[in-house]
Protein backbone atom coordinates (compact mmCIF):
# COMPACT_ATOMS: atom_id res chain seq x y z
CA MET A 1 0.00 0.00 0.00
CA LYS A 2 1.17 3.55 -0.73
CA LEU A 3 0.01 6.88 0.63
CA PHE A 4 -2.92 8.62 -1.04
CA ASP A 5 -1.18 11.53 -2.77
CA VAL A 6 -3.18 14.61 -1.76
CA TYR A 7 -0.48 16.81 -0.18
CA PRO A 8 2.15 18.90 -1.99
CA ILE A 9 5.27 17.83 -0.10
CA ASN A 10 8.51 19.64 0.70
CA ASP A 11 11.29 17.06 0.64
CA ILE A 12 12.21 17.57 4.30
CA ASN A 13 12.00 14.97 7.06
CA ILE A 14 11.66 16.71 10.42
CA VAL A 15 12.79 14.41 13.23
CA LYS A 16 13.24 16.73 16.22
CA GLY A 17 11.79 19.93 17.64
CA GLU A 18 12.63 22.23 20.51
CA GLY A 19 11.02 25.59 21.18
CA ALA A 20 10.82 27.56 17.92
CA HIS A 21 13.21 25.26 16.04
CA VAL A 22 13.06 21.92 14.27
CA TRP A 23 15.77 19.68 12.80
CA ASP A 24 15.68 17.37 9.79
CA ASP A 25 17.22 13.92 9.47
CA ASN A 26 20.43 15.48 8.11
CA GLY A 27 20.88 17.61 11.22
CA LYS A 28 19.87 20.87 9.52
CA LYS A 29 18.17 23.37 11.83
CA TYR A 30 15.07 25.35 10.81
CA LEU A 31 13.24 28.27 12.43
CA ASP A 32 9.51 27.55 12.65
CA PHE A 33 7.31 30.59 11.99
CA TYR A 34 4.34 28.51 10.90
CA GLY A 35 3.85 26.02 13.71
CA GLY A 36 2.33 23.41 11.42
CA HIS A 37 -0.74 25.55 10.59
CA ALA A 38 -0.85 27.42 13.94
CA VAL A 39 -0.84 24.16 15.90
CA ILE A 40 2.35 24.67 17.93
CA SER A 41 1.23 27.15 20.57
CA ILE A 42 3.80 26.72 23.37
CA GLY A 43 6.79 25.52 21.33
CA HIS A 44 8.03 22.12 20.26
CA ALA A 45 8.74 19.62 23.06
CA HIS A 46 7.99 22.07 25.87
CA PRO A 47 9.26 20.35 29.06
CA HIS A 48 5.99 20.79 30.99
CA TYR A 49 3.99 19.50 28.04
CA VAL A 50 6.25 16.46 27.62
CA ASP A 51 6.06 15.70 31.34
CA ARG A 52 2.26 16.03 31.47
CA ILE A 53 1.74 13.67 28.54
CA THR A 54 4.37 11.18 29.71
CA ARG A 55 2.86 10.92 33.17
CA GLN A 56 -0.66 10.55 31.77
CA VAL A 57 0.13 7.88 29.20
CA SER A 58 2.01 5.89 31.82
CA GLU A 59 -1.24 5.71 33.82
CA ILE A 60 -4.03 5.57 31.21
CA GLY A 61 -4.24 7.14 27.76
CA PHE A 62 -7.79 6.35 26.75
CA TYR A 63 -11.16 5.16 27.84
CA SER A 64 -14.53 6.07 26.40
CA ASN A 65 -17.00 8.75 27.45
CA SER A 66 -19.16 6.05 29.00
CA ILE A 67 -17.27 6.52 32.26
CA ARG A 68 -16.39 9.49 34.47
CA ILE A 69 -13.17 11.22 33.34
CA PRO A 70 -12.22 13.82 35.98
CA ILE A 71 -9.52 15.43 33.86
CA GLN A 72 -12.27 16.58 31.47
CA GLN A 73 -13.83 18.67 34.24
CA GLN A 74 -10.41 19.95 35.25
CA LEU A 75 -9.84 21.06 31.66
CA ALA A 76 -13.25 22.72 31.49
CA GLU A 77 -12.56 24.68 34.68
CA LYS A 78 -9.07 25.76 33.60
CA LEU A 79 -10.32 26.71 30.13
CA GLY A 80 -13.10 28.77 31.68
CA GLU A 81 -10.59 30.63 33.84
CA VAL A 82 -8.06 31.36 31.10
CA SER A 83 -10.64 32.25 28.44
CA GLY A 84 -12.92 34.25 30.71
CA LYS A 85 -15.90 32.02 29.88
CA LYS A 86 -16.45 30.39 33.27
CA ASP A 87 -20.21 30.04 32.77
CA TYR A 88 -19.91 28.29 29.38
CA GLN A 89 -20.11 24.52 28.82
CA LEU A 90 -17.43 22.43 27.08
CA PHE A 91 -17.89 19.64 24.53
CA LEU A 92 -14.63 17.94 23.56
CA CYS A 93 -13.82 16.45 20.16
CA ASN A 94 -10.77 15.93 17.94
CA SER A 95 -10.32 18.53 15.19
CA GLY A 96 -11.34 21.98 14.03
CA ALA A 97 -13.61 20.56 11.35
CA GLU A 98 -15.35 18.38 13.92
CA ALA A 99 -15.71 21.35 16.27
CA ASN A 100 -17.33 23.48 13.55
CA GLU A 101 -19.48 20.57 12.42
CA ASN A 102 -20.85 20.10 15.95
CA ALA A 103 -21.32 23.84 16.44
CA MET A 104 -23.52 24.16 13.36
CA LYS A 105 -25.38 20.98 14.26
CA LEU A 106 -26.00 22.33 17.76
CA ALA A 107 -27.28 25.63 16.34
CA SER A 108 -29.78 23.69 14.25
CA PHE A 109 -30.86 21.57 17.23
CA HIS A 110 -31.29 24.65 19.41
CA THR A 111 -33.28 26.74 16.92
CA GLY A 112 -35.06 24.03 14.93
CA ARG A 113 -33.84 25.76 11.76
CA LYS A 114 -31.66 24.71 8.82
CA LYS A 115 -29.88 27.76 7.39
CA ILE A 116 -26.29 28.71 8.27
CA VAL A 117 -24.78 31.99 7.09
CA ALA A 118 -21.09 31.84 6.18
CA PHE A 119 -18.82 34.34 4.43
CA SER A 120 -16.60 34.82 1.41
CA LYS A 121 -13.02 33.52 1.79
CA SER A 122 -14.04 31.46 4.82
CA PHE A 123 -12.42 28.16 5.80
CA HIS A 124 -14.15 25.99 8.41
CA GLY A 125 -12.84 22.49 7.67
CA ARG A 126 -13.23 19.51 5.35
CA THR A 127 -16.04 17.43 6.87
CA SER A 128 -19.58 17.57 5.52
CA LEU A 129 -21.09 20.77 6.96
CA ALA A 130 -17.72 22.38 7.67
CA VAL A 131 -16.59 22.13 4.06
CA ALA A 132 -20.01 23.21 2.80
CA ALA A 133 -19.48 26.40 4.82
CA THR A 134 -15.99 26.85 3.32
CA ASP A 135 -15.68 29.23 0.39
CA ASN A 136 -13.56 27.01 -1.83
CA ALA A 137 -15.43 25.06 -4.49
CA ILE A 138 -12.37 22.92 -5.28
CA ILE A 139 -12.60 21.02 -1.98
CA VAL A 140 -16.41 20.76 -1.87
CA ALA A 141 -17.54 17.38 -3.26
CA PRO A 142 -20.95 17.19 -4.95
CA ILE A 143 -22.35 15.34 -1.93
CA ASN A 144 -21.36 18.27 0.31
CA GLU A 145 -23.30 20.84 -1.69
CA THR A 146 -26.35 22.12 0.16
CA ASP A 147 -28.77 25.02 -0.02
CA ASN A 148 -28.66 25.20 3.77
CA ILE A 149 -25.36 27.12 3.67
CA VAL A 150 -25.58 30.69 2.37
CA PHE A 151 -22.55 32.86 1.65
CA VAL A 152 -22.50 36.63 1.96
CA PRO A 153 -19.50 39.00 1.62
CA PHE A 154 -17.13 39.13 4.59
CA ASN A 155 -17.25 42.41 6.54
CA ASP A 156 -20.28 43.67 4.57
CA VAL A 157 -22.81 44.67 7.21
CA ALA A 158 -25.39 46.02 4.76
CA VAL A 159 -25.66 42.77 2.78
CA LEU A 160 -25.83 40.72 5.97
CA GLU A 161 -28.63 42.90 7.35
CA GLN A 162 -30.50 42.61 4.07
CA TYR A 163 -30.24 38.82 4.10
CA PHE A 164 -31.52 38.63 7.67
CA ALA A 165 -34.39 40.98 6.82
CA HIS A 166 -35.60 38.52 4.18
CA HIS A 167 -34.63 35.18 5.76
CA GLY A 168 -33.99 35.81 9.46
CA ASN A 169 -36.58 33.33 10.69
CA GLU A 170 -34.85 30.53 8.74
CA ILE A 171 -31.32 31.13 10.06
CA ALA A 172 -30.02 28.70 12.68
CA GLY A 173 -26.67 30.40 13.00
CA VAL A 174 -23.91 32.58 11.62
CA ILE A 175 -20.37 31.21 11.53
CA THR A 176 -17.34 33.43 11.11
CA GLU A 177 -13.66 33.49 11.87
CA GLY A 178 -12.55 36.51 13.89
CA ILE A 179 -9.51 36.62 11.63
CA GLN A 180 -9.65 34.55 8.45
CA GLY A 181 -6.55 32.39 8.27
CA VAL A 182 -6.59 30.32 5.07
CA GLY A 183 -8.47 33.19 3.40
CA GLY A 184 -5.45 35.44 3.78
CA ILE A 185 -5.40 36.99 7.31
CA ASN A 186 -8.53 39.07 6.84
CA ILE A 187 -9.63 40.75 10.07
CA ALA A 188 -13.32 40.96 10.93
CA THR A 189 -14.24 44.55 11.78
CA VAL A 190 -15.78 45.51 15.09
CA GLU A 191 -18.83 46.79 13.21
CA PHE A 192 -19.23 43.47 11.42
CA LEU A 193 -18.99 41.27 14.53
CA THR A 194 -21.27 43.61 16.46
CA ALA A 195 -23.83 43.39 13.66
CA ILE A 196 -23.70 39.58 13.76
CA ARG A 197 -24.35 39.62 17.50
CA ASN A 198 -27.23 42.09 17.19
CA LEU A 199 -28.86 40.28 14.27
CA CYS A 200 -28.62 36.92 16.03
CA ASN A 201 -30.23 38.47 19.10
CA THR A 202 -33.04 39.97 17.04
CA TYR A 203 -33.85 36.85 15.02
CA GLY A 204 -33.09 34.12 17.58
CA SER A 205 -30.07 32.74 15.69
CA LEU A 206 -26.77 31.58 17.20
CA TYR A 207 -23.45 33.35 16.69
CA ILE A 208 -20.70 30.75 16.11
CA ALA A 209 -17.18 32.12 16.55
CA ASP A 210 -14.74 29.93 14.64
CA SER A 211 -11.59 30.31 16.74
CA VAL A 212 -9.80 27.24 15.42
CA GLN A 213 -6.84 29.14 13.93
CA CYS A 214 -7.31 32.69 15.25
CA GLY A 215 -8.16 31.66 18.82
CA TYR A 216 -6.44 30.19 21.85
CA GLY A 217 -4.55 33.37 22.68
CA ARG A 218 -2.95 33.80 19.28
CA SER A 219 -4.42 37.26 18.68
CA GLY A 220 -3.50 38.56 22.13
CA GLN A 221 -7.02 37.85 23.32
CA PHE A 222 -8.09 34.29 24.05
CA PHE A 223 -10.72 34.52 21.30
CA SER A 224 -9.99 37.07 18.56
CA HIS A 225 -13.71 37.92 18.39
CA ALA A 226 -13.29 39.56 21.81
CA TYR A 227 -11.79 42.64 20.14
CA ALA A 228 -15.36 43.56 19.18
CA GLY A 229 -16.52 43.43 22.79
CA VAL A 230 -19.26 40.89 22.06
CA ASN A 231 -19.89 37.32 23.20
CA ALA A 232 -20.60 34.48 20.82
CA ASP A 233 -23.05 31.68 21.62
CA ILE A 234 -20.54 29.01 20.59
CA TYR A 235 -16.75 29.20 20.26
CA THR A 236 -14.91 26.50 18.33
CA MET A 237 -11.32 25.56 19.22
CA ALA A 238 -8.62 23.19 17.97
CA LYS A 239 -5.10 23.68 16.49
CA GLY A 240 -3.18 25.36 19.34
CA MET A 241 -5.35 23.67 21.97
CA GLY A 242 -3.11 20.58 22.17
CA ASN A 243 0.24 21.86 20.84
CA GLY A 244 0.25 19.03 18.30
CA PHE A 245 -1.89 16.44 20.05
CA PRO A 246 -5.32 16.09 18.35
CA VAL A 247 -7.83 17.80 20.62
CA ALA A 248 -10.63 20.27 19.93
CA GLY A 249 -13.74 21.58 21.57
CA ILE A 250 -16.68 23.92 21.54
CA ALA A 251 -17.47 26.34 24.35
CA ILE A 252 -21.26 26.63 24.60
CA ALA A 253 -23.18 29.49 26.23
CA PRO A 254 -25.30 28.56 29.28
CA HIS A 255 -28.66 29.23 27.60
CA ILE A 256 -28.05 26.31 25.19
CA LYS A 257 -29.21 23.17 26.96
CA PRO A 258 -27.73 19.69 26.41
CA LYS A 259 -29.59 16.42 25.92
CA HIS A 260 -28.16 12.92 26.14
CA GLY A 261 -27.19 11.70 22.69
CA MET A 262 -27.31 15.16 21.10
CA LEU A 263 -23.55 15.14 20.36
CA GLY A 264 -21.01 12.37 20.65
CA THR A 265 -17.46 11.25 19.89
CA THR A 266 -15.30 8.19 20.44
CA PHE A 267 -11.89 9.77 20.97
CA GLY A 268 -12.86 13.30 22.01
CA GLY A 269 -11.93 14.19 25.57
CA ASN A 270 -9.75 11.14 26.18
CA HIS A 271 -7.32 11.24 29.09
CA LEU A 272 -4.23 11.88 26.99
CA ALA A 273 -5.85 14.65 24.92
CA CYS A 274 -7.00 16.40 28.09
CA ALA A 275 -3.52 16.16 29.61
CA ALA A 276 -2.05 17.81 26.51
CA ALA A 277 -4.67 20.55 26.61
CA MET A 278 -4.14 21.12 30.33
CA ALA A 279 -0.39 21.51 29.78
CA VAL A 280 -0.98 24.16 27.11
CA LEU A 281 -3.29 26.21 29.33
CA GLU A 282 -0.95 25.94 32.30
CA VAL A 283 2.01 27.21 30.28
CA MET A 284 -0.07 29.97 28.70
CA GLU A 285 -1.21 31.15 32.10
CA GLN A 286 2.12 30.81 33.94
CA ASP A 287 4.16 32.49 31.19
CA GLY A 288 1.67 35.21 30.25
CA LEU A 289 1.66 34.10 26.64
CA MET A 290 -1.38 36.08 25.49
CA GLN A 291 0.27 39.35 26.51
CA HIS A 292 3.54 38.14 24.99
CA ALA A 293 1.76 37.28 21.73
CA SER A 294 0.30 40.78 21.60
CA GLU A 295 3.67 42.44 22.21
CA MET A 296 5.57 40.22 19.78
CA GLY A 297 2.91 40.67 17.12
CA THR A 298 3.31 44.43 17.33
CA TYR A 299 7.09 44.08 17.17
CA ILE A 300 7.01 41.83 14.10
CA MET A 301 4.40 43.87 12.23
CA GLU A 302 6.28 47.12 12.86
CA GLY A 303 9.40 45.43 11.51
CA LEU A 304 7.60 44.18 8.41
CA LYS A 305 6.22 47.65 7.69
CA GLN A 306 9.80 48.94 7.44
CA ILE A 307 10.68 46.50 4.64
CA ALA A 308 10.30 48.06 1.19
CA GLY A 309 8.07 46.14 -1.20
CA LEU A 310 5.85 44.44 1.35
CA GLU A 311 2.23 45.55 1.24
CA ASN A 312 -0.79 45.49 3.54
CA VAL A 313 0.87 44.16 6.67
CA ARG A 314 -2.00 43.10 8.94
CA GLY A 315 -2.91 40.88 11.83
CA ARG A 316 -3.38 40.79 15.57
CA GLY A 317 -0.88 39.24 17.92
CA LEU A 318 0.84 36.30 16.27
CA ILE A 319 -1.54 35.75 13.38
CA ILE A 320 0.08 37.96 10.76
CA GLY A 321 -0.17 38.33 7.00
CA PHE A 322 1.36 40.54 4.34
CA ASP A 323 1.19 40.79 0.55
CA VAL A 324 4.21 40.10 -1.62
CA PRO A 325 4.64 41.65 -5.08
CA GLU A 326 4.54 39.30 -8.05
CA SER A 327 8.26 39.85 -8.58
CA HIS A 328 8.88 38.10 -5.25
CA SER A 329 6.12 35.51 -5.43
CA HIS A 330 8.62 32.79 -4.46
CA LEU A 331 9.47 34.44 -1.14
CA LYS A 332 8.05 31.55 0.90
CA LYS A 333 10.28 29.07 -0.94
CA GLU A 334 13.32 31.32 -0.62
CA LEU A 335 12.79 31.63 3.12
CA LEU A 336 12.53 27.86 3.46
CA TRP A 337 15.32 26.68 1.20
CA LYS A 338 17.84 29.51 1.57
CA HIS A 339 17.22 30.64 5.13
CA ARG A 340 15.63 27.49 6.62
CA ILE A 341 12.58 29.34 7.91
CA PHE A 342 9.11 27.79 7.74
CA THR A 343 6.28 30.21 6.94
CA GLY A 344 2.80 29.78 5.51
CA GLU A 345 0.98 31.29 2.58
CA ALA A 346 -2.42 32.08 1.15
CA LYS A 347 -2.95 32.33 -2.59
CA PRO A 348 -2.02 34.20 -4.61
CA ASN A 349 0.84 36.08 -2.88
CA VAL A 350 0.19 36.29 0.87
CA ILE A 351 2.70 35.14 3.48
CA ARG A 352 1.20 33.94 6.78
CA LEU A 353 3.11 33.94 10.05
CA LEU A 354 1.76 31.70 12.85
CA PRO A 355 4.64 30.99 15.25
CA ALA A 356 4.45 29.62 18.78
CA LEU A 357 3.11 32.16 21.26
CA ASN A 358 6.46 32.24 23.12
CA ILE A 359 8.53 33.22 20.07
CA THR A 360 11.44 35.53 20.99
CA LYS A 361 12.63 38.84 19.57
CA THR A 362 15.87 37.13 18.59
CA ASP A 363 13.97 34.69 16.39
CA ALA A 364 11.75 37.49 15.06
CA ASP A 365 14.85 39.45 14.02
CA ILE A 366 16.20 36.43 12.15
CA LEU A 367 12.96 36.26 10.17
CA LEU A 368 12.81 40.01 9.52
CA ASN A 369 16.42 40.12 8.33
CA ALA A 370 15.86 37.17 6.00
CA ILE A 371 12.80 38.82 4.45
CA LYS A 372 14.72 42.08 4.06
CA VAL A 373 17.54 40.28 2.25
CA GLU A 374 15.14 38.58 -0.15
CA MET A 375 13.17 41.75 -0.86
CA LEU A 376 16.38 43.58 -1.71
CA HIS A 377 17.30 40.81 -4.15
CA VAL A 378 15.95 41.40 -7.65
CA PRO A 379 14.99 38.03 -9.22
CA ALA A 380 16.51 37.28 -12.60
């Protein structure tokens, strides 16, 4: 059997990680400013994280949700404290797509309605409802197509209000990223998020805050939607939640009531996943990583703005994007192969930076200097 060839692969075999760095099987060292799609939140092989997981797996790694699992409640309490959502409820699952899938399903259960409003350039995952709410026809199979998902322009309050005026009583929920990641680091405006909250209040719909990539402290707030000063009914989480271990969840407002059998998962909330998630929250809290992310984000973005040729530097905290001119469209490859720095991208010419929340100024300067060198170089 061979692997199903669906990923474009860089010919690099990473065998070790520590902090903001990784090493390949030839001993070459790389600086990681992408964190495997914003997954590495507290750095590779953080000692507390390694210890937490090691101790847990030596006791028990898994049993099903048919028994009491105290570490789940411990995680819920710690998450409530760090996120500021102490009165919310937690449902644990495995991935961002599964979190968004369950959030939309829960909105439909709660309201008895079928319509979900999503937005242009959105990305919510690859499972059935999640991919249907993703604005990328290439990854939507015919079986995923549904009239129950409606797209309107991102950050366009007038169009959203108009759609609600005509269809408000059909809408189960509105799902939006606070900062679109795959879409190109597009920041939701305060006016836009406030309008979503107000419209959902008026029409009895649920506001679903997709915080899979832009959440978990990355923006400098625990949930990037908090910059608008509004509360969502459901927050979805994954990626940085487990620092590489598959764990995800949805934080559910207290007015949404559970019923046995409403949601379910085999692996979600297992002992080992909860230990990983606990370690992440403990490090975030002890090391003040949300404040650090905010400060480092400002430092990096100010540095990027000083580099000639870069355009539209934007972001919050450590979810950062900037546009690259066509003449330097291979910047991501140059950073990787010449400078051994991992970054991300969004088509056509956007570089995405999603490093661990404890990235240092020393590492930031290495990145900024490498970008400066490449932007000064005129391609043949």
